[in-house]
Amino acid sequence: MTLRELACPRCGQPVVCGATQGACDCFELRLDQAQRDAIAAVFQDCLCLRCLREIQSGAPVQVPGLTSRPKA
């Protein structure tokens, strides 16, 4: 499997996700269940580390003025 390259759906910055290879930088973050549930309810794909760290620190999941694609 290869690394996935995408744009962060929260801020638009590039994201390189290694989760499919079993090693992604986001694995080191500790988000509580409520934060993980809120992210999954708003976004369909991986967020960048900066956004995940902001959410971990208490920032809202949804950035004001940014629209995300609703989950199908």
PDB file of N, CA and C in Angstrom:
ATOM      1  N   MET A   1       0.838  -1.177   0.000  1.00  0.00           N
ATOM      2  CA  MET A   1       0.000   0.000   0.000  1.00  0.00           C
ATOM      3  C   MET A   1       0.886   1.244   0.000  1.00  0.00           C
ATOM      4  N   THR A   2       0.343   2.305  -0.539  1.00  0.00           N
ATOM      5  CA  THR A   2       1.115   3.540  -0.639  1.00  0.00           C
ATOM      6  C   THR A   2       0.528   4.613   0.281  1.00  0.00           C
ATOM      7  N   LEU A   3       1.299   5.659   0.463  1.00  0.00           N
ATOM      8  CA  LEU A   3       0.829   6.805   1.230  1.00  0.00           C
ATOM      9  C   LEU A   3      -0.266   7.518   0.445  1.00  0.00           C
ATOM     10  N   ARG A   4      -1.264   8.005   1.141  1.00  0.00           N
ATOM     11  CA  ARG A   4      -2.329   8.779   0.495  1.00  0.00           C
ATOM     12  C   ARG A   4      -2.005  10.259   0.630  1.00  0.00           C
ATOM     13  N   GLU A   5      -2.143  10.974  -0.458  1.00  0.00           N
ATOM     14  CA  GLU A   5      -1.954  12.420  -0.445  1.00  0.00           C
ATOM     15  C   GLU A   5      -3.300  13.068  -0.719  1.00  0.00           C
ATOM     16  N   LEU A   6      -3.680  14.011   0.144  1.00  0.00           N
ATOM     17  CA  LEU A   6      -4.957  14.689   0.009  1.00  0.00           C
ATOM     18  C   LEU A   6      -4.870  16.067   0.628  1.00  0.00           C
ATOM     19  N   ALA A   7      -5.926  16.833   0.491  1.00  0.00           N
ATOM     20  CA  ALA A   7      -6.005  18.149   1.138  1.00  0.00           C
ATOM     21  C   ALA A   7      -6.814  17.997   2.416  1.00  0.00           C
ATOM     22  N   CYS A   8      -6.368  18.636   3.470  1.00  0.00           N
ATOM     23  CA  CYS A   8      -7.093  18.607   4.738  1.00  0.00           C
ATOM     24  C   CYS A   8      -8.469  19.235   4.509  1.00  0.00           C
ATOM     25  N   PRO A   9      -9.542  18.527   4.843  1.00  0.00           N
ATOM     26  CA  PRO A   9     -10.872  19.086   4.608  1.00  0.00           C
ATOM     27  C   PRO A   9     -11.222  20.233   5.557  1.00  0.00           C
ATOM     28  N   ARG A  10     -10.426  20.444   6.598  1.00  0.00           N
ATOM     29  CA  ARG A  10     -10.689  21.530   7.551  1.00  0.00           C
ATOM     30  C   ARG A  10      -9.981  22.817   7.154  1.00  0.00           C
ATOM     31  N   CYS A  11      -8.724  22.717   6.671  1.00  0.00           N
ATOM     32  CA  CYS A  11      -7.962  23.936   6.368  1.00  0.00           C
ATOM     33  C   CYS A  11      -7.438  23.991   4.932  1.00  0.00           C
ATOM     34  N   GLY A  12      -7.462  22.874   4.230  1.00  0.00           N
ATOM     35  CA  GLY A  12      -7.015  22.846   2.835  1.00  0.00           C
ATOM     36  C   GLY A  12      -5.536  22.552   2.634  1.00  0.00           C
ATOM     37  N   GLN A  13      -4.779  22.442   3.713  1.00  0.00           N
ATOM     38  CA  GLN A  13      -3.342  22.170   3.593  1.00  0.00           C
ATOM     39  C   GLN A  13      -3.113  20.711   3.168  1.00  0.00           C
ATOM     40  N   PRO A  14      -1.979  20.426   2.516  1.00  0.00           N
ATOM     41  CA  PRO A  14      -1.684  19.053   2.100  1.00  0.00           C
ATOM     42  C   PRO A  14      -1.528  18.117   3.302  1.00  0.00           C
ATOM     43  N   VAL A  15      -2.003  16.903   3.125  1.00  0.00           N
ATOM     44  CA  VAL A  15      -1.892  15.856   4.128  1.00  0.00           C
ATOM     45  C   VAL A  15      -1.313  14.629   3.447  1.00  0.00           C
ATOM     46  N   VAL A  16      -0.329  14.005   4.081  1.00  0.00           N
ATOM     47  CA  VAL A  16       0.174  12.721   3.613  1.00  0.00           C
ATOM     48  C   VAL A  16      -0.166  11.727   4.710  1.00  0.00           C
ATOM     49  N   CYS A  17      -1.089  10.828   4.414  1.00  0.00           N
ATOM     50  CA  CYS A  17      -1.591   9.880   5.397  1.00  0.00           C
ATOM     51  C   CYS A  17      -0.890   8.535   5.228  1.00  0.00           C
ATOM     52  N   GLY A  18      -0.316   8.057   6.308  1.00  0.00           N
ATOM     53  CA  GLY A  18       0.354   6.758   6.292  1.00  0.00           C
ATOM     54  C   GLY A  18      -0.429   5.674   6.999  1.00  0.00           C
ATOM     55  N   ALA A  19      -1.691   5.953   7.339  1.00  0.00           N
ATOM     56  CA  ALA A  19      -2.495   4.996   8.107  1.00  0.00           C
ATOM     57  C   ALA A  19      -2.631   3.654   7.403  1.00  0.00           C
ATOM     58  N   THR A  20      -2.732   3.675   6.084  1.00  0.00           N
ATOM     59  CA  THR A  20      -2.871   2.403   5.366  1.00  0.00           C
ATOM     60  C   THR A  20      -1.615   1.551   5.456  1.00  0.00           C
ATOM     61  N   GLN A  21      -0.486   2.193   5.791  1.00  0.00           N
ATOM     62  CA  GLN A  21       0.763   1.464   5.965  1.00  0.00           C
ATOM     63  C   GLN A  21       1.030   1.153   7.434  1.00  0.00           C
ATOM     64  N   GLY A  22       0.109   1.573   8.300  1.00  0.00           N
ATOM     65  CA  GLY A  22       0.242   1.288   9.716  1.00  0.00           C
ATOM     66  C   GLY A  22       1.125   2.252  10.479  1.00  0.00           C
ATOM     67  N   ALA A  23       1.517   3.351   9.858  1.00  0.00           N
ATOM     68  CA  ALA A  23       2.375   4.334  10.529  1.00  0.00           C
ATOM     69  C   ALA A  23       2.035   5.731  10.027  1.00  0.00           C
ATOM     70  N   CYS A  24       1.268   6.455  10.839  1.00  0.00           N
ATOM     71  CA  CYS A  24       0.913   7.823  10.483  1.00  0.00           C
ATOM     72  C   CYS A  24       1.231   8.706  11.680  1.00  0.00           C
ATOM     73  N   ASP A  25       1.668   9.922  11.439  1.00  0.00           N
ATOM     74  CA  ASP A  25       1.997  10.850  12.521  1.00  0.00           C
ATOM     75  C   ASP A  25       0.816  11.070  13.462  1.00  0.00           C
ATOM     76  N   CYS A  26      -0.392  10.977  12.941  1.00  0.00           N
ATOM     77  CA  CYS A  26      -1.568  11.223  13.784  1.00  0.00           C
ATOM     78  C   CYS A  26      -1.743  10.145  14.850  1.00  0.00           C
ATOM     79  N   PHE A  27      -1.111   8.998  14.688  1.00  0.00           N
ATOM     80  CA  PHE A  27      -1.227   7.925  15.682  1.00  0.00           C
ATOM     81  C   PHE A  27      -0.686   8.364  17.042  1.00  0.00           C
ATOM     82  N   GLU A  28       0.171   9.372  17.054  1.00  0.00           N
ATOM     83  CA  GLU A  28       0.776   9.846  18.305  1.00  0.00           C
ATOM     84  C   GLU A  28      -0.140  10.802  19.079  1.00  0.00           C
ATOM     85  N   LEU A  29      -1.183  11.309  18.422  1.00  0.00           N
ATOM     86  CA  LEU A  29      -2.099  12.247  19.072  1.00  0.00           C
ATOM     87  C   LEU A  29      -3.104  11.502  19.935  1.00  0.00           C
ATOM     88  N   ARG A  30      -3.515  12.137  21.011  1.00  0.00           N
ATOM     89  CA  ARG A  30      -4.513  11.551  21.902  1.00  0.00           C
ATOM     90  C   ARG A  30      -5.745  12.441  21.921  1.00  0.00           C
ATOM     91  N   LEU A  31      -6.727  12.078  21.118  1.00  0.00           N
ATOM     92  CA  LEU A  31      -8.002  12.777  21.097  1.00  0.00           C
ATOM     93  C   LEU A  31      -8.986  11.961  21.917  1.00  0.00           C
ATOM     94  N   ASP A  32      -9.839  12.646  22.685  1.00  0.00           N
ATOM     95  CA  ASP A  32     -10.819  11.885  23.450  1.00  0.00           C
ATOM     96  C   ASP A  32     -11.945  11.424  22.526  1.00  0.00           C
ATOM     97  N   GLN A  33     -12.803  10.569  23.043  1.00  0.00           N
ATOM     98  CA  GLN A  33     -13.862   9.990  22.217  1.00  0.00           C
ATOM     99  C   GLN A  33     -14.797  11.054  21.664  1.00  0.00           C
ATOM    100  N   ALA A  34     -15.122  12.064  22.456  1.00  0.00           N
ATOM    101  CA  ALA A  34     -16.003  13.133  21.980  1.00  0.00           C
ATOM    102  C   ALA A  34     -15.372  13.883  20.811  1.00  0.00           C
ATOM    103  N   GLN A  35     -14.065  14.139  20.876  1.00  0.00           N
ATOM    104  CA  GLN A  35     -13.374  14.820  19.775  1.00  0.00           C
ATOM    105  C   GLN A  35     -13.373  13.943  18.531  1.00  0.00           C
ATOM    106  N   ARG A  36     -13.084  12.662  18.685  1.00  0.00           N
ATOM    107  CA  ARG A  36     -13.088  11.761  17.526  1.00  0.00           C
ATOM    108  C   ARG A  36     -14.478  11.672  16.905  1.00  0.00           C
ATOM    109  N   ASP A  37     -15.512  11.590  17.750  1.00  0.00           N
ATOM    110  CA  ASP A  37     -16.883  11.525  17.241  1.00  0.00           C
ATOM    111  C   ASP A  37     -17.261  12.804  16.501  1.00  0.00           C
ATOM    112  N   ALA A  38     -16.861  13.961  17.043  1.00  0.00           N
ATOM    113  CA  ALA A  38     -17.178  15.241  16.406  1.00  0.00           C
ATOM    114  C   ALA A  38     -16.482  15.364  15.050  1.00  0.00           C
ATOM    115  N   ILE A  39     -15.237  14.947  14.977  1.00  0.00           N
ATOM    116  CA  ILE A  39     -14.504  14.977  13.704  1.00  0.00           C
ATOM    117  C   ILE A  39     -15.194  14.078  12.681  1.00  0.00           C
ATOM    118  N   ALA A  40     -15.542  12.862  13.090  1.00  0.00           N
ATOM    119  CA  ALA A  40     -16.182  11.907  12.178  1.00  0.00           C
ATOM    120  C   ALA A  40     -17.554  12.400  11.719  1.00  0.00           C
ATOM    121  N   ALA A  41     -18.250  13.169  12.558  1.00  0.00           N
ATOM    122  CA  ALA A  41     -19.564  13.680  12.193  1.00  0.00           C
ATOM    123  C   ALA A  41     -19.488  14.801  11.163  1.00  0.00           C
ATOM    124  N   VAL A  42     -18.350  15.499  11.116  1.00  0.00           N
ATOM    125  CA  VAL A  42     -18.225  16.661  10.230  1.00  0.00           C
ATOM    126  C   VAL A  42     -17.416  16.348   8.970  1.00  0.00           C
ATOM    127  N   PHE A  43     -16.372  15.556   9.094  1.00  0.00           N
ATOM    128  CA  PHE A  43     -15.452  15.334   7.975  1.00  0.00           C
ATOM    129  C   PHE A  43     -15.428  13.884   7.531  1.00  0.00           C
ATOM    130  N   GLN A  44     -15.221  13.693   6.244  1.00  0.00           N
ATOM    131  CA  GLN A  44     -15.168  12.353   5.669  1.00  0.00           C
ATOM    132  C   GLN A  44     -13.756  11.797   5.599  1.00  0.00           C
ATOM    133  N   ASP A  45     -12.748  12.640   5.738  1.00  0.00           N
ATOM    134  CA  ASP A  45     -11.380  12.180   5.489  1.00  0.00           C
ATOM    135  C   ASP A  45     -10.430  12.686   6.571  1.00  0.00           C
ATOM    136  N   CYS A  46      -9.165  12.346   6.408  1.00  0.00           N
ATOM    137  CA  CYS A  46      -8.116  12.701   7.365  1.00  0.00           C
ATOM    138  C   CYS A  46      -7.938  14.211   7.466  1.00  0.00           C
ATOM    139  N   LEU A  47      -7.622  14.668   8.673  1.00  0.00           N
ATOM    140  CA  LEU A  47      -7.252  16.063   8.893  1.00  0.00           C
ATOM    141  C   LEU A  47      -5.737  16.144   9.043  1.00  0.00           C
ATOM    142  N   CYS A  48      -5.182  17.319   8.780  1.00  0.00           N
ATOM    143  CA  CYS A  48      -3.740  17.507   8.940  1.00  0.00           C
ATOM    144  C   CYS A  48      -3.387  17.540  10.428  1.00  0.00           C
ATOM    145  N   LEU A  49      -2.124  17.358  10.730  1.00  0.00           N
ATOM    146  CA  LEU A  49      -1.678  17.352  12.119  1.00  0.00           C
ATOM    147  C   LEU A  49      -1.947  18.679  12.814  1.00  0.00           C
ATOM    148  N   ARG A  50      -1.787  19.784  12.103  1.00  0.00           N
ATOM    149  CA  ARG A  50      -2.050  21.080  12.722  1.00  0.00           C
ATOM    150  C   ARG A  50      -3.496  21.169  13.187  1.00  0.00           C
ATOM    151  N   CYS A  51      -4.426  20.790  12.336  1.00  0.00           N
ATOM    152  CA  CYS A  51      -5.841  20.839  12.707  1.00  0.00           C
ATOM    153  C   CYS A  51      -6.137  19.867  13.851  1.00  0.00           C
ATOM    154  N   LEU A  52      -5.577  18.675  13.785  1.00  0.00           N
ATOM    155  CA  LEU A  52      -5.804  17.712  14.869  1.00  0.00           C
ATOM    156  C   LEU A  52      -5.260  18.225  16.191  1.00  0.00           C
ATOM    157  N   ARG A  53      -4.107  18.858  16.152  1.00  0.00           N
ATOM    158  CA  ARG A  53      -3.536  19.432  17.388  1.00  0.00           C
ATOM    159  C   ARG A  53      -4.399  20.576  17.918  1.00  0.00           C
ATOM    160  N   GLU A  54      -4.941  21.394  17.007  1.00  0.00           N
ATOM    161  CA  GLU A  54      -5.824  22.483  17.433  1.00  0.00           C
ATOM    162  C   GLU A  54      -7.066  21.918  18.127  1.00  0.00           C
ATOM    163  N   ILE A  55      -7.661  20.901  17.537  1.00  0.00           N
ATOM    164  CA  ILE A  55      -8.852  20.273  18.120  1.00  0.00           C
ATOM    165  C   ILE A  55      -8.496  19.627  19.458  1.00  0.00           C
ATOM    166  N   GLN A  56      -7.346  18.983  19.512  1.00  0.00           N
ATOM    167  CA  GLN A  56      -6.882  18.363  20.754  1.00  0.00           C
ATOM    168  C   GLN A  56      -6.750  19.408  21.862  1.00  0.00           C
ATOM    169  N   SER A  57      -6.377  20.634  21.482  1.00  0.00           N
ATOM    170  CA  SER A  57      -6.189  21.721  22.446  1.00  0.00           C
ATOM    171  C   SER A  57      -7.488  22.455  22.774  1.00  0.00           C
ATOM    172  N   GLY A  58      -8.592  22.036  22.168  1.00  0.00           N
ATOM    173  CA  GLY A  58      -9.879  22.624  22.500  1.00  0.00           C
ATOM    174  C   GLY A  58     -10.515  23.489  21.432  1.00  0.00           C
ATOM    175  N   ALA A  59      -9.860  23.634  20.287  1.00  0.00           N
ATOM    176  CA  ALA A  59     -10.452  24.415  19.193  1.00  0.00           C
ATOM    177  C   ALA A  59     -11.687  23.693  18.662  1.00  0.00           C
ATOM    178  N   PRO A  60     -12.645  24.445  18.103  1.00  0.00           N
ATOM    179  CA  PRO A  60     -13.829  23.786  17.533  1.00  0.00           C
ATOM    180  C   PRO A  60     -13.432  22.918  16.338  1.00  0.00           C
ATOM    181  N   VAL A  61     -14.177  21.865  16.141  1.00  0.00           N
ATOM    182  CA  VAL A  61     -13.906  20.965  15.020  1.00  0.00           C
ATOM    183  C   VAL A  61     -14.093  21.695  13.705  1.00  0.00           C
ATOM    184  N   GLN A  62     -15.197  22.408  13.584  1.00  0.00           N
ATOM    185  CA  GLN A  62     -15.487  23.146  12.357  1.00  0.00           C
ATOM    186  C   GLN A  62     -14.909  24.544  12.456  1.00  0.00           C
ATOM    187  N   VAL A  63     -14.127  24.948  11.486  1.00  0.00           N
ATOM    188  CA  VAL A  63     -13.587  26.302  11.441  1.00  0.00           C
ATOM    189  C   VAL A  63     -14.688  27.248  10.969  1.00  0.00           C
ATOM    190  N   PRO A  64     -14.932  28.348  11.677  1.00  0.00           N
ATOM    191  CA  PRO A  64     -15.972  29.289  11.237  1.00  0.00           C
ATOM    192  C   PRO A  64     -15.737  29.743   9.801  1.00  0.00           C
ATOM    193  N   GLY A  65     -16.801  29.722   9.013  1.00  0.00           N
ATOM    194  CA  GLY A  65     -16.714  30.176   7.627  1.00  0.00           C
ATOM    195  C   GLY A  65     -16.282  29.101   6.654  1.00  0.00           C
ATOM    196  N   LEU A  66     -15.888  27.945   7.148  1.00  0.00           N
ATOM    197  CA  LEU A  66     -15.461  26.855   6.259  1.00  0.00           C
ATOM    198  C   LEU A  66     -16.584  25.842   6.192  1.00  0.00           C
ATOM    199  N   THR A  67     -16.920  25.456   4.985  1.00  0.00           N
ATOM    200  CA  THR A  67     -17.963  24.438   4.826  1.00  0.00           C
ATOM    201  C   THR A  67     -17.313  23.127   4.456  1.00  0.00           C
ATOM    202  N   SER A  68     -17.772  22.075   5.057  1.00  0.00           N
ATOM    203  CA  SER A  68     -17.260  20.747   4.741  1.00  0.00           C
ATOM    204  C   SER A  68     -18.321  19.977   3.975  1.00  0.00           C
ATOM    205  N   ARG A  69     -17.909  18.899   3.365  1.00  0.00           N
ATOM    206  CA  ARG A  69     -18.851  18.043   2.671  1.00  0.00           C
ATOM    207  C   ARG A  69     -19.537  17.162   3.715  1.00  0.00           C
ATOM    208  N   PRO A  70     -20.863  17.122   3.694  1.00  0.00           N
ATOM    209  CA  PRO A  70     -21.547  16.266   4.659  1.00  0.00           C
ATOM    210  C   PRO A  70     -21.258  14.801   4.389  1.00  0.00           C
ATOM    211  N   LYS A  71     -21.282  14.026   5.449  1.00  0.00           N
ATOM    212  CA  LYS A  71     -21.083  12.587   5.299  1.00  0.00           C
ATOM    213  C   LYS A  71     -22.280  11.983   4.574  1.00  0.00           C
ATOM    214  N   ALA A  72     -22.002  11.032   3.707  1.00  0.00           N
ATOM    215  CA  ALA A  72     -23.062  10.368   2.957  1.00  0.00           C
ATOM    216  C   ALA A  72     -23.732   9.306   3.794  1.00  0.00           C
TER     217      ALA A  72
END
